[in-house]
């Protein structure tokens, strides 16, 4: 795999994160697993929209789900993506100087 291939794959992961609602979901899941219902309340969107966000995050290996009875619980599969928040905050601080 070339460096260009790696950059292309990294860009796809970053695009998956490049949405305010998905960032809110990732931030919440960093504190522990929860259901679509809980995430729907947090994001303020309907369940189908939140489910689409979760499907995209799952497709990129960022979250995973597990079923327990009628409920589906989501958890952060790769917590290191939260390092992005620290980096993005630093960029914002640098820009405001």
PDB file of N, CA and C in Angstrom:
ATOM      1  N   UNK A   1       0.847  -1.186   0.000  1.00  0.00           N
ATOM      2  CA  UNK A   1       0.000   0.000   0.000  1.00  0.00           C
ATOM      3  C   UNK A   1       0.889   1.245   0.000  1.00  0.00           C
ATOM      4  N   UNK A   2       0.582   2.160  -0.867  1.00  0.00           N
ATOM      5  CA  UNK A   2       1.388   3.372  -0.983  1.00  0.00           C
ATOM      6  C   UNK A   2       0.951   4.405   0.055  1.00  0.00           C
ATOM      7  N   UNK A   3       1.782   5.404   0.224  1.00  0.00           N
ATOM      8  CA  UNK A   3       1.426   6.497   1.136  1.00  0.00           C
ATOM      9  C   UNK A   3       0.161   7.188   0.651  1.00  0.00           C
ATOM     10  N   UNK A   4       0.019   7.313  -0.665  1.00  0.00           N
ATOM     11  CA  UNK A   4      -1.178   7.945  -1.232  1.00  0.00           C
ATOM     12  C   UNK A   4      -2.432   7.154  -0.865  1.00  0.00           C
ATOM     13  N   UNK A   5      -2.346   5.818  -0.923  1.00  0.00           N
ATOM     14  CA  UNK A   5      -3.467   4.962  -0.530  1.00  0.00           C
ATOM     15  C   UNK A   5      -3.831   5.173   0.943  1.00  0.00           C
ATOM     16  N   UNK A   6      -2.799   5.264   1.760  1.00  0.00           N
ATOM     17  CA  UNK A   6      -3.017   5.486   3.196  1.00  0.00           C
ATOM     18  C   UNK A   6      -3.681   6.834   3.425  1.00  0.00           C
ATOM     19  N   UNK A   7      -3.190   7.875   2.747  1.00  0.00           N
ATOM     20  CA  UNK A   7      -3.803   9.203   2.889  1.00  0.00           C
ATOM     21  C   UNK A   7      -5.255   9.188   2.433  1.00  0.00           C
ATOM     22  N   UNK A   8      -5.560   8.478   1.376  1.00  0.00           N
ATOM     23  CA  UNK A   8      -6.944   8.388   0.883  1.00  0.00           C
ATOM     24  C   UNK A   8      -7.836   7.720   1.922  1.00  0.00           C
ATOM     25  N   UNK A   9      -7.353   6.656   2.549  1.00  0.00           N
ATOM     26  CA  UNK A   9      -8.130   5.972   3.583  1.00  0.00           C
ATOM     27  C   UNK A   9      -8.295   6.858   4.817  1.00  0.00           C
ATOM     28  N   UNK A  10      -7.242   7.563   5.190  1.00  0.00           N
ATOM     29  CA  UNK A  10      -7.333   8.485   6.328  1.00  0.00           C
ATOM     30  C   UNK A  10      -8.343   9.584   6.036  1.00  0.00           C
ATOM     31  N   UNK A  11      -8.358  10.080   4.814  1.00  0.00           N
ATOM     32  CA  UNK A  11      -9.304  11.139   4.433  1.00  0.00           C
ATOM     33  C   UNK A  11     -10.741  10.641   4.584  1.00  0.00           C
ATOM     34  N   UNK A  12     -10.990   9.381   4.248  1.00  0.00           N
ATOM     35  CA  UNK A  12     -12.348   8.835   4.394  1.00  0.00           C
ATOM     36  C   UNK A  12     -12.769   8.773   5.859  1.00  0.00           C
ATOM     37  N   UNK A  13     -11.837   8.404   6.728  1.00  0.00           N
ATOM     38  CA  UNK A  13     -12.148   8.381   8.169  1.00  0.00           C
ATOM     39  C   UNK A  13     -12.442   9.792   8.663  1.00  0.00           C
ATOM     40  N   UNK A  14     -11.619  10.749   8.248  1.00  0.00           N
ATOM     41  CA  UNK A  14     -11.834  12.135   8.672  1.00  0.00           C
ATOM     42  C   UNK A  14     -13.165  12.676   8.132  1.00  0.00           C
ATOM     43  N   UNK A  15     -13.544  12.294   6.917  1.00  0.00           N
ATOM     44  CA  UNK A  15     -14.844  12.709   6.370  1.00  0.00           C
ATOM     45  C   UNK A  15     -15.979  12.125   7.197  1.00  0.00           C
ATOM     46  N   UNK A  16     -15.797  10.900   7.684  1.00  0.00           N
ATOM     47  CA  UNK A  16     -16.823  10.282   8.521  1.00  0.00           C
ATOM     48  C   UNK A  16     -17.007  11.058   9.827  1.00  0.00           C
ATOM     49  N   UNK A  17     -15.956  11.661  10.308  1.00  0.00           N
ATOM     50  CA  UNK A  17     -16.016  12.439  11.547  1.00  0.00           C
ATOM     51  C   UNK A  17     -16.436  13.891  11.305  1.00  0.00           C
ATOM     52  N   UNK A  18     -16.397  14.342  10.080  1.00  0.00           N
ATOM     53  CA  UNK A  18     -16.595  15.757   9.750  1.00  0.00           C
ATOM     54  C   UNK A  18     -18.065  16.149   9.720  1.00  0.00           C
ATOM     55  N   UNK A  19     -18.722  15.968  10.866  1.00  0.00           N
ATOM     56  CA  UNK A  19     -20.130  16.324  11.003  1.00  0.00           C
ATOM     57  C   UNK A  19     -20.378  16.596  12.482  1.00  0.00           C
ATOM     58  N   UNK A  20     -21.048  17.693  12.776  1.00  0.00           N
ATOM     59  CA  UNK A  20     -21.272  18.079  14.171  1.00  0.00           C
ATOM     60  C   UNK A  20     -21.996  16.995  14.963  1.00  0.00           C
ATOM     61  N   UNK A  21     -23.022  16.416  14.389  1.00  0.00           N
ATOM     62  CA  UNK A  21     -23.775  15.374  15.097  1.00  0.00           C
ATOM     63  C   UNK A  21     -22.912  14.146  15.342  1.00  0.00           C
ATOM     64  N   UNK A  22     -22.130  13.739  14.354  1.00  0.00           N
ATOM     65  CA  UNK A  22     -21.273  12.577  14.543  1.00  0.00           C
ATOM     66  C   UNK A  22     -20.186  12.854  15.575  1.00  0.00           C
ATOM     67  N   UNK A  23     -19.686  14.070  15.613  1.00  0.00           N
ATOM     68  CA  UNK A  23     -18.707  14.417  16.656  1.00  0.00           C
ATOM     69  C   UNK A  23     -19.347  14.349  18.040  1.00  0.00           C
ATOM     70  N   UNK A  24     -20.588  14.800  18.146  1.00  0.00           N
ATOM     71  CA  UNK A  24     -21.298  14.706  19.427  1.00  0.00           C
ATOM     72  C   UNK A  24     -21.482  13.245  19.840  1.00  0.00           C
ATOM     73  N   UNK A  25     -21.804  12.396  18.873  1.00  0.00           N
ATOM     74  CA  UNK A  25     -21.979  10.965  19.141  1.00  0.00           C
ATOM     75  C   UNK A  25     -20.664  10.351  19.615  1.00  0.00           C
ATOM     76  N   UNK A  26     -19.590  10.641  18.906  1.00  0.00           N
ATOM     77  CA  UNK A  26     -18.282  10.094  19.271  1.00  0.00           C
ATOM     78  C   UNK A  26     -17.878  10.572  20.664  1.00  0.00           C
ATOM     79  N   UNK A  27     -18.079  11.845  20.941  1.00  0.00           N
ATOM     80  CA  UNK A  27     -17.751  12.388  22.261  1.00  0.00           C
ATOM     81  C   UNK A  27     -18.539  11.674  23.352  1.00  0.00           C
ATOM     82  N   UNK A  28     -19.832  11.461  23.119  1.00  0.00           N
ATOM     83  CA  UNK A  28     -20.665  10.779  24.119  1.00  0.00           C
ATOM     84  C   UNK A  28     -20.229   9.336  24.311  1.00  0.00           C
ATOM     85  N   UNK A  29     -19.955   8.632  23.199  1.00  0.00           N
ATOM     86  CA  UNK A  29     -19.553   7.233  23.297  1.00  0.00           C
ATOM     87  C   UNK A  29     -18.173   7.075  23.927  1.00  0.00           C
ATOM     88  N   UNK A  30     -17.386   8.110  23.928  1.00  0.00           N
ATOM     89  CA  UNK A  30     -16.094   8.067  24.614  1.00  0.00           C
ATOM     90  C   UNK A  30     -16.273   7.885  26.116  1.00  0.00           C
ATOM     91  N   UNK A  31     -17.440   8.230  26.624  1.00  0.00           N
ATOM     92  CA  UNK A  31     -17.740   8.077  28.055  1.00  0.00           C
ATOM     93  C   UNK A  31     -18.466   6.775  28.360  1.00  0.00           C
ATOM     94  N   UNK A  32     -18.739   5.956  27.347  1.00  0.00           N
ATOM     95  CA  UNK A  32     -19.386   4.670  27.566  1.00  0.00           C
ATOM     96  C   UNK A  32     -20.477   4.409  26.540  1.00  0.00           C
ATOM     97  N   UNK A  33     -20.892   3.159  26.468  1.00  0.00           N
ATOM     98  CA  UNK A  33     -21.868   2.781  25.459  1.00  0.00           C
ATOM     99  C   UNK A  33     -23.251   3.345  25.780  1.00  0.00           C
ATOM    100  N   UNK A  34     -24.066   3.469  24.742  1.00  0.00           N
ATOM    101  CA  UNK A  34     -25.446   3.905  24.929  1.00  0.00           C
ATOM    102  C   UNK A  34     -26.297   3.501  23.730  1.00  0.00           C
ATOM    103  N   UNK A  35     -27.587   3.708  23.856  1.00  0.00           N
ATOM    104  CA  UNK A  35     -28.540   3.293  22.828  1.00  0.00           C
ATOM    105  C   UNK A  35     -28.801   4.417  21.834  1.00  0.00           C
ATOM    106  N   UNK A  36     -29.441   4.055  20.723  1.00  0.00           N
ATOM    107  CA  UNK A  36     -29.833   5.050  19.726  1.00  0.00           C
ATOM    108  C   UNK A  36     -30.757   6.080  20.362  1.00  0.00           C
ATOM    109  N   UNK A  37     -31.648   5.620  21.225  1.00  0.00           N
ATOM    110  CA  UNK A  37     -32.573   6.542  21.888  1.00  0.00           C
ATOM    111  C   UNK A  37     -31.849   7.611  22.675  1.00  0.00           C
ATOM    112  N   UNK A  38     -30.835   7.218  23.418  1.00  0.00           N
ATOM    113  CA  UNK A  38     -30.051   8.182  24.182  1.00  0.00           C
ATOM    114  C   UNK A  38     -29.317   9.156  23.258  1.00  0.00           C
ATOM    115  N   UNK A  39     -28.772   8.621  22.176  1.00  0.00           N
ATOM    116  CA  UNK A  39     -28.045   9.472  21.224  1.00  0.00           C
ATOM    117  C   UNK A  39     -29.000  10.397  20.475  1.00  0.00           C
ATOM    118  N   UNK A  40     -30.201   9.930  20.208  1.00  0.00           N
ATOM    119  CA  UNK A  40     -31.211  10.759  19.538  1.00  0.00           C
ATOM    120  C   UNK A  40     -31.540  11.975  20.393  1.00  0.00           C
ATOM    121  N   UNK A  41     -31.702  11.731  21.677  1.00  0.00           N
ATOM    122  CA  UNK A  41     -31.988  12.833  22.609  1.00  0.00           C
ATOM    123  C   UNK A  41     -30.824  13.815  22.663  1.00  0.00           C
ATOM    124  N   UNK A  42     -29.623  13.297  22.687  1.00  0.00           N
ATOM    125  CA  UNK A  42     -28.422  14.136  22.747  1.00  0.00           C
ATOM    126  C   UNK A  42     -28.286  15.001  21.500  1.00  0.00           C
ATOM    127  N   UNK A  43     -28.415  14.388  20.335  1.00  0.00           N
ATOM    128  CA  UNK A  43     -28.178  15.081  19.067  1.00  0.00           C
ATOM    129  C   UNK A  43     -29.349  15.985  18.700  1.00  0.00           C
ATOM    130  N   UNK A  44     -30.553  15.577  19.091  1.00  0.00           N
ATOM    131  CA  UNK A  44     -31.736  16.369  18.751  1.00  0.00           C
ATOM    132  C   UNK A  44     -32.265  16.081  17.360  1.00  0.00           C
ATOM    133  N   UNK A  45     -31.941  14.909  16.832  1.00  0.00           N
ATOM    134  CA  UNK A  45     -32.451  14.476  15.530  1.00  0.00           C
ATOM    135  C   UNK A  45     -33.337  13.258  15.736  1.00  0.00           C
ATOM    136  N   UNK A  46     -34.039  12.864  14.674  1.00  0.00           N
ATOM    137  CA  UNK A  46     -34.880  11.671  14.798  1.00  0.00           C
ATOM    138  C   UNK A  46     -34.004  10.417  14.762  1.00  0.00           C
ATOM    139  N   UNK A  47     -34.572   9.305  15.196  1.00  0.00           N
ATOM    140  CA  UNK A  47     -33.825   8.061  15.329  1.00  0.00           C
ATOM    141  C   UNK A  47     -33.253   7.578  13.993  1.00  0.00           C
ATOM    142  N   UNK A  48     -33.974   7.793  12.896  1.00  0.00           N
ATOM    143  CA  UNK A  48     -33.461   7.320  11.605  1.00  0.00           C
ATOM    144  C   UNK A  48     -32.214   8.100  11.189  1.00  0.00           C
ATOM    145  N   UNK A  49     -32.183   9.391  11.476  1.00  0.00           N
ATOM    146  CA  UNK A  49     -31.002  10.199  11.158  1.00  0.00           C
ATOM    147  C   UNK A  49     -29.811   9.765  12.002  1.00  0.00           C
ATOM    148  N   UNK A  50     -30.038   9.560  13.292  1.00  0.00           N
ATOM    149  CA  UNK A  50     -28.957   9.113  14.180  1.00  0.00           C
ATOM    150  C   UNK A  50     -28.473   7.728  13.758  1.00  0.00           C
ATOM    151  N   UNK A  51     -29.399   6.869  13.356  1.00  0.00           N
ATOM    152  CA  UNK A  51     -29.013   5.537  12.893  1.00  0.00           C
ATOM    153  C   UNK A  51     -28.137   5.617  11.651  1.00  0.00           C
ATOM    154  N   UNK A  52     -28.424   6.544  10.769  1.00  0.00           N
ATOM    155  CA  UNK A  52     -27.591   6.727   9.574  1.00  0.00           C
ATOM    156  C   UNK A  52     -26.190   7.201   9.950  1.00  0.00           C
ATOM    157  N   UNK A  53     -26.120   8.124  10.916  1.00  0.00           N
ATOM    158  CA  UNK A  53     -24.811   8.576  11.391  1.00  0.00           C
ATOM    159  C   UNK A  53     -24.031   7.394  11.986  1.00  0.00           C
ATOM    160  N   UNK A  54     -24.712   6.589  12.788  1.00  0.00           N
ATOM    161  CA  UNK A  54     -24.057   5.441  13.413  1.00  0.00           C
ATOM    162  C   UNK A  54     -23.610   4.416  12.375  1.00  0.00           C
ATOM    163  N   UNK A  55     -24.420   4.211  11.348  1.00  0.00           N
ATOM    164  CA  UNK A  55     -24.049   3.272  10.286  1.00  0.00           C
ATOM    165  C   UNK A  55     -22.774   3.731   9.582  1.00  0.00           C
ATOM    166  N   UNK A  56     -22.670   5.020   9.338  1.00  0.00           N
ATOM    167  CA  UNK A  56     -21.471   5.561   8.690  1.00  0.00           C
ATOM    168  C   UNK A  56     -20.252   5.385   9.596  1.00  0.00           C
ATOM    169  N   UNK A  57     -20.417   5.697  10.872  1.00  0.00           N
ATOM    170  CA  UNK A  57     -19.311   5.542  11.820  1.00  0.00           C
ATOM    171  C   UNK A  57     -18.920   4.071  11.954  1.00  0.00           C
ATOM    172  N   UNK A  58     -19.901   3.180  11.935  1.00  0.00           N
ATOM    173  CA  UNK A  58     -19.625   1.742  12.009  1.00  0.00           C
ATOM    174  C   UNK A  58     -18.885   1.277  10.750  1.00  0.00           C
ATOM    175  N   UNK A  59     -19.308   1.753   9.596  1.00  0.00           N
ATOM    176  CA  UNK A  59     -18.681   1.363   8.328  1.00  0.00           C
ATOM    177  C   UNK A  59     -17.211   1.758   8.271  1.00  0.00           C
ATOM    178  N   UNK A  60     -16.836   2.792   9.010  1.00  0.00           N
ATOM    179  CA  UNK A  60     -15.448   3.252   9.016  1.00  0.00           C
ATOM    180  C   UNK A  60     -14.665   2.745  10.229  1.00  0.00           C
ATOM    181  N   UNK A  61     -15.251   1.816  10.983  1.00  0.00           N
ATOM    182  CA  UNK A  61     -14.536   1.193  12.092  1.00  0.00           C
ATOM    183  C   UNK A  61     -14.392   2.056  13.318  1.00  0.00           C
ATOM    184  N   UNK A  62     -15.258   3.039  13.444  1.00  0.00           N
ATOM    185  CA  UNK A  62     -15.160   3.963  14.581  1.00  0.00           C
ATOM    186  C   UNK A  62     -16.032   3.504  15.745  1.00  0.00           C
ATOM    187  N   UNK A  63     -17.197   2.942  15.442  1.00  0.00           N
ATOM    188  CA  UNK A  63     -18.083   2.416  16.484  1.00  0.00           C
ATOM    189  C   UNK A  63     -18.466   0.983  16.141  1.00  0.00           C
ATOM    190  N   UNK A  64     -18.976   0.285  17.149  1.00  0.00           N
ATOM    191  CA  UNK A  64     -19.565  -1.037  16.937  1.00  0.00           C
ATOM    192  C   UNK A  64     -20.817  -1.139  17.797  1.00  0.00           C
ATOM    193  N   UNK A  65     -21.649  -2.113  17.470  1.00  0.00           N
ATOM    194  CA  UNK A  65     -22.893  -2.263  18.213  1.00  0.00           C
ATOM    195  C   UNK A  65     -23.025  -3.675  18.756  1.00  0.00           C
ATOM    196  N   UNK A  66     -23.911  -3.804  19.733  1.00  0.00           N
ATOM    197  CA  UNK A  66     -24.265  -5.114  20.277  1.00  0.00           C
ATOM    198  C   UNK A  66     -25.743  -5.070  20.634  1.00  0.00           C
ATOM    199  N   UNK A  67     -26.412  -6.178  20.432  1.00  0.00           N
ATOM    200  CA  UNK A  67     -27.833  -6.261  20.739  1.00  0.00           C
ATOM    201  C   UNK A  67     -28.032  -6.918  22.091  1.00  0.00           C
ATOM    202  N   UNK A  68     -28.980  -6.351  22.826  1.00  0.00           N
ATOM    203  CA  UNK A  68     -29.387  -6.938  24.100  1.00  0.00           C
ATOM    204  C   UNK A  68     -30.901  -6.828  24.154  1.00  0.00           C
ATOM    205  N   UNK A  69     -31.576  -7.920  23.867  1.00  0.00           N
ATOM    206  CA  UNK A  69     -33.035  -7.886  23.783  1.00  0.00           C
ATOM    207  C   UNK A  69     -33.458  -7.015  22.611  1.00  0.00           C
ATOM    208  N   UNK A  70     -34.319  -6.046  22.882  1.00  0.00           N
ATOM    209  CA  UNK A  70     -34.808  -5.141  21.844  1.00  0.00           C
ATOM    210  C   UNK A  70     -33.907  -3.924  21.638  1.00  0.00           C
ATOM    211  N   UNK A  71     -32.915  -3.783  22.492  1.00  0.00           N
ATOM    212  CA  UNK A  71     -32.066  -2.598  22.422  1.00  0.00           C
ATOM    213  C   UNK A  71     -30.752  -2.891  21.702  1.00  0.00           C
ATOM    214  N   UNK A  72     -30.249  -1.866  21.024  1.00  0.00           N
ATOM    215  CA  UNK A  72     -28.929  -1.939  20.403  1.00  0.00           C
ATOM    216  C   UNK A  72     -28.049  -0.914  21.106  1.00  0.00           C
ATOM    217  N   UNK A  73     -26.952  -1.392  21.637  1.00  0.00           N
ATOM    218  CA  UNK A  73     -26.002  -0.517  22.325  1.00  0.00           C
ATOM    219  C   UNK A  73     -24.816  -0.253  21.408  1.00  0.00           C
ATOM    220  N   UNK A  74     -24.372   0.988  21.397  1.00  0.00           N
ATOM    221  CA  UNK A  74     -23.215   1.388  20.594  1.00  0.00           C
ATOM    222  C   UNK A  74     -22.076   1.753  21.532  1.00  0.00           C
ATOM    223  N   UNK A  75     -20.873   1.437  21.059  1.00  0.00           N
ATOM    224  CA  UNK A  75     -19.683   1.825  21.815  1.00  0.00           C
ATOM    225  C   UNK A  75     -18.613   2.264  20.832  1.00  0.00           C
ATOM    226  N   UNK A  76     -17.702   3.052  21.341  1.00  0.00           N
ATOM    227  CA  UNK A  76     -16.592   3.540  20.546  1.00  0.00           C
ATOM    228  C   UNK A  76     -15.590   2.395  20.382  1.00  0.00           C
ATOM    229  N   UNK A  77     -15.315   2.025  19.150  1.00  0.00           N
ATOM    230  CA  UNK A  77     -14.391   0.929  18.869  1.00  0.00           C
ATOM    231  C   UNK A  77     -12.953   1.421  18.878  1.00  0.00           C
ATOM    232  N   UNK A  78     -12.739   2.654  18.451  1.00  0.00           N
ATOM    233  CA  UNK A  78     -11.398   3.222  18.371  1.00  0.00           C
ATOM    234  C   UNK A  78     -11.354   4.555  19.117  1.00  0.00           C
ATOM    235  N   UNK A  79     -11.210   4.490  20.449  1.00  0.00           N
ATOM    236  CA  UNK A  79     -11.216   5.727  21.251  1.00  0.00           C
ATOM    237  C   UNK A  79     -10.153   6.737  20.858  1.00  0.00           C
ATOM    238  N   UNK A  80      -9.131   6.310  20.149  1.00  0.00           N
ATOM    239  CA  UNK A  80      -8.077   7.250  19.763  1.00  0.00           C
ATOM    240  C   UNK A  80      -8.611   8.365  18.864  1.00  0.00           C
ATOM    241  N   UNK A  81      -9.786   8.183  18.238  1.00  0.00           N
ATOM    242  CA  UNK A  81     -10.324   9.267  17.408  1.00  0.00           C
ATOM    243  C   UNK A  81     -10.616  10.505  18.239  1.00  0.00           C
ATOM    244  N   UNK A  82     -10.762  10.326  19.545  1.00  0.00           N
ATOM    245  CA  UNK A  82     -11.020  11.478  20.411  1.00  0.00           C
ATOM    246  C   UNK A  82      -9.798  12.377  20.530  1.00  0.00           C
ATOM    247  N   UNK A  83      -8.634  11.873  20.146  1.00  0.00           N
ATOM    248  CA  UNK A  83      -7.448  12.728  20.089  1.00  0.00           C
ATOM    249  C   UNK A  83      -7.669  13.862  19.097  1.00  0.00           C
ATOM    250  N   UNK A  84      -8.529  13.620  18.138  1.00  0.00           N
ATOM    251  CA  UNK A  84      -8.874  14.633  17.149  1.00  0.00           C
ATOM    252  C   UNK A  84      -9.448  15.877  17.826  1.00  0.00           C
ATOM    253  N   UNK A  85     -10.248  15.694  18.882  1.00  0.00           N
ATOM    254  CA  UNK A  85     -10.840  16.831  19.584  1.00  0.00           C
ATOM    255  C   UNK A  85      -9.757  17.731  20.174  1.00  0.00           C
ATOM    256  N   UNK A  86      -8.757  17.122  20.768  1.00  0.00           N
ATOM    257  CA  UNK A  86      -7.661  17.886  21.347  1.00  0.00           C
ATOM    258  C   UNK A  86      -6.918  18.649  20.260  1.00  0.00           C
ATOM    259  N   UNK A  87      -6.646  17.986  19.182  1.00  0.00           N
ATOM    260  CA  UNK A  87      -5.934  18.625  18.073  1.00  0.00           C
ATOM    261  C   UNK A  87      -6.761  19.760  17.471  1.00  0.00           C
ATOM    262  N   UNK A  88      -8.042  19.511  17.226  1.00  0.00           N
ATOM    263  CA  UNK A  88      -8.903  20.541  16.637  1.00  0.00           C
ATOM    264  C   UNK A  88      -9.013  21.751  17.560  1.00  0.00           C
ATOM    265  N   UNK A  89      -9.095  21.514  18.852  1.00  0.00           N
ATOM    266  CA  UNK A  89      -9.155  22.615  19.817  1.00  0.00           C
ATOM    267  C   UNK A  89      -7.870  23.432  19.776  1.00  0.00           C
ATOM    268  N   UNK A  90      -6.731  22.765  19.644  1.00  0.00           N
ATOM    269  CA  UNK A  90      -5.444  23.466  19.558  1.00  0.00           C
ATOM    270  C   UNK A  90      -5.392  24.322  18.299  1.00  0.00           C
ATOM    271  N   UNK A  91      -5.880  23.799  17.186  1.00  0.00           N
ATOM    272  CA  UNK A  91      -5.919  24.576  15.936  1.00  0.00           C
ATOM    273  C   UNK A  91      -6.767  25.835  16.140  1.00  0.00           C
ATOM    274  N   UNK A  92      -7.920  25.695  16.780  1.00  0.00           N
ATOM    275  CA  UNK A  92      -8.791  26.841  17.031  1.00  0.00           C
ATOM    276  C   UNK A  92      -8.110  27.880  17.915  1.00  0.00           C
ATOM    277  N   UNK A  93      -7.387  27.411  18.939  1.00  0.00           N
ATOM    278  CA  UNK A  93      -6.660  28.342  19.801  1.00  0.00           C
ATOM    279  C   UNK A  93      -5.591  29.096  19.030  1.00  0.00           C
ATOM    280  N   UNK A  94      -4.870  28.397  18.173  1.00  0.00           N
ATOM    281  CA  UNK A  94      -3.820  29.027  17.380  1.00  0.00           C
ATOM    282  C   UNK A  94      -4.407  30.067  16.422  1.00  0.00           C
ATOM    283  N   UNK A  95      -5.557  29.763  15.854  1.00  0.00           N
ATOM    284  CA  UNK A  95      -6.189  30.687  14.909  1.00  0.00           C
ATOM    285  C   UNK A  95      -6.684  31.958  15.589  1.00  0.00           C
ATOM    286  N   UNK A  96      -7.028  31.851  16.871  1.00  0.00           N
ATOM    287  CA  UNK A  96      -7.614  33.011  17.555  1.00  0.00           C
ATOM    288  C   UNK A  96      -6.560  33.959  18.094  1.00  0.00           C
ATOM    289  N   UNK A  97      -5.303  33.659  17.936  1.00  0.00           N
ATOM    290  CA  UNK A  97      -4.236  34.548  18.424  1.00  0.00           C
ATOM    291  C   UNK A  97      -4.045  35.716  17.533  1.00  0.00           C
TER     292      UNK A  97
END
